[in-house]
């Protein structure tokens, strides 16, 4: 088994995936909050 050397792994794909996940999560929260605000304004 090869020895692990700290800091040599290419993490570019992981960083792009995490960036996409964070963008999706941020926009999802914004949309959900907008729906809640609109519901509060128009359903009451």
N, C-alpha and C. Protein backbone atom coordinates (compact mmCIF):
# COMPACT_ATOMS: atom_id res chain seq x y z
N UNK A 1 0.84 -1.18 0.00
CA UNK A 1 0.00 0.00 0.00
C UNK A 1 0.89 1.25 0.00
N UNK A 2 0.52 2.23 -0.78
CA UNK A 2 1.31 3.45 -0.89
C UNK A 2 1.19 4.29 0.38
N UNK A 3 2.27 4.98 0.68
CA UNK A 3 2.25 5.85 1.86
C UNK A 3 1.51 7.13 1.54
N UNK A 4 0.77 7.61 2.50
CA UNK A 4 0.03 8.86 2.35
C UNK A 4 0.95 10.02 2.67
N UNK A 5 0.97 11.01 1.77
CA UNK A 5 1.76 12.21 2.01
C UNK A 5 0.79 13.39 2.06
N UNK A 6 0.78 14.07 3.17
CA UNK A 6 -0.17 15.16 3.41
C UNK A 6 0.01 16.27 2.39
N UNK A 7 -1.11 16.70 1.77
CA UNK A 7 -1.08 17.84 0.86
C UNK A 7 -0.83 17.51 -0.59
N UNK A 8 -0.73 16.24 -0.97
CA UNK A 8 -0.44 15.90 -2.35
C UNK A 8 -1.68 15.55 -3.16
N UNK A 9 -2.83 15.40 -2.53
CA UNK A 9 -4.02 15.00 -3.23
C UNK A 9 -4.60 16.18 -4.03
N UNK A 10 -5.04 15.91 -5.25
CA UNK A 10 -5.67 16.94 -6.07
C UNK A 10 -7.13 17.08 -5.63
N UNK A 11 -7.47 18.24 -5.10
CA UNK A 11 -8.82 18.45 -4.56
C UNK A 11 -9.65 19.38 -5.44
N UNK A 12 -9.22 19.62 -6.66
CA UNK A 12 -9.92 20.56 -7.54
C UNK A 12 -11.37 20.13 -7.79
N UNK A 13 -11.59 18.85 -8.06
CA UNK A 13 -12.94 18.35 -8.30
C UNK A 13 -13.80 18.48 -7.05
N UNK A 14 -13.24 18.15 -5.91
CA UNK A 14 -13.99 18.27 -4.66
C UNK A 14 -14.36 19.72 -4.37
N UNK A 15 -13.45 20.64 -4.64
CA UNK A 15 -13.73 22.05 -4.40
C UNK A 15 -14.82 22.57 -5.32
N UNK A 16 -14.82 22.15 -6.58
CA UNK A 16 -15.87 22.55 -7.51
C UNK A 16 -17.21 21.97 -7.09
N UNK A 17 -17.22 20.73 -6.66
CA UNK A 17 -18.46 20.10 -6.21
C UNK A 17 -19.00 20.81 -4.98
N UNK A 18 -18.14 21.13 -4.02
CA UNK A 18 -18.57 21.83 -2.81
C UNK A 18 -19.09 23.22 -3.15
N UNK A 19 -18.44 23.91 -4.08
CA UNK A 19 -18.88 25.24 -4.50
C UNK A 19 -20.28 25.17 -5.11
N UNK A 20 -20.52 24.17 -5.94
CA UNK A 20 -21.84 23.97 -6.52
C UNK A 20 -22.88 23.65 -5.47
N UNK A 21 -22.52 22.81 -4.52
CA UNK A 21 -23.43 22.46 -3.43
C UNK A 21 -23.79 23.68 -2.60
N UNK A 22 -22.81 24.52 -2.28
CA UNK A 22 -23.07 25.72 -1.49
C UNK A 22 -23.94 26.71 -2.27
N UNK A 23 -23.70 26.85 -3.56
CA UNK A 23 -24.52 27.74 -4.38
C UNK A 23 -25.97 27.25 -4.41
N UNK A 24 -26.16 25.94 -4.61
CA UNK A 24 -27.50 25.36 -4.62
C UNK A 24 -28.19 25.56 -3.27
N UNK A 25 -27.48 25.32 -2.18
CA UNK A 25 -28.05 25.46 -0.85
C UNK A 25 -28.44 26.92 -0.58
N UNK A 26 -27.58 27.85 -0.93
CA UNK A 26 -27.85 29.26 -0.71
C UNK A 26 -29.11 29.70 -1.47
N UNK A 27 -29.19 29.35 -2.75
CA UNK A 27 -30.37 29.74 -3.54
C UNK A 27 -31.63 29.04 -3.05
N UNK A 28 -31.50 27.81 -2.59
CA UNK A 28 -32.67 27.09 -2.06
C UNK A 28 -33.21 27.81 -0.83
N UNK A 29 -32.33 28.23 0.06
CA UNK A 29 -32.76 28.94 1.27
C UNK A 29 -33.41 30.27 0.90
N UNK A 30 -32.84 30.98 -0.06
CA UNK A 30 -33.42 32.26 -0.48
C UNK A 30 -34.83 32.05 -1.04
N UNK A 31 -35.01 31.04 -1.87
CA UNK A 31 -36.33 30.77 -2.46
C UNK A 31 -37.33 30.37 -1.38
N UNK A 32 -36.92 29.53 -0.45
CA UNK A 32 -37.81 29.10 0.63
C UNK A 32 -38.22 30.28 1.49
N UNK A 33 -37.28 31.15 1.83
CA UNK A 33 -37.61 32.33 2.63
C UNK A 33 -38.55 33.26 1.88
N UNK A 34 -38.35 33.42 0.58
CA UNK A 34 -39.23 34.26 -0.22
C UNK A 34 -40.65 33.68 -0.24
N UNK A 35 -40.77 32.38 -0.37
CA UNK A 35 -42.08 31.73 -0.35
C UNK A 35 -42.75 31.95 1.00
N UNK A 36 -42.02 31.82 2.08
CA UNK A 36 -42.59 32.01 3.41
C UNK A 36 -43.07 33.45 3.59
N UNK A 37 -42.27 34.41 3.15
CA UNK A 37 -42.66 35.82 3.27
C UNK A 37 -43.92 36.09 2.44
N UNK A 38 -43.96 35.59 1.22
CA UNK A 38 -45.12 35.79 0.37
C UNK A 38 -46.37 35.13 0.97
N UNK A 39 -46.21 33.96 1.54
CA UNK A 39 -47.32 33.30 2.20
C UNK A 39 -47.82 34.12 3.38
N UNK A 40 -46.89 34.67 4.15
CA UNK A 40 -47.26 35.48 5.31
C UNK A 40 -48.02 36.73 4.89
N UNK A 41 -47.65 37.30 3.75
CA UNK A 41 -48.29 38.53 3.29
C UNK A 41 -49.67 38.29 2.66
N UNK A 42 -49.81 37.23 1.90
CA UNK A 42 -51.01 37.05 1.10
C UNK A 42 -52.01 36.04 1.64
N UNK A 43 -51.61 35.17 2.53
CA UNK A 43 -52.54 34.15 3.02
C UNK A 43 -53.27 34.61 4.28
N UNK A 44 -52.72 35.57 5.00
CA UNK A 44 -53.37 36.01 6.23
C UNK A 44 -54.55 36.90 5.97
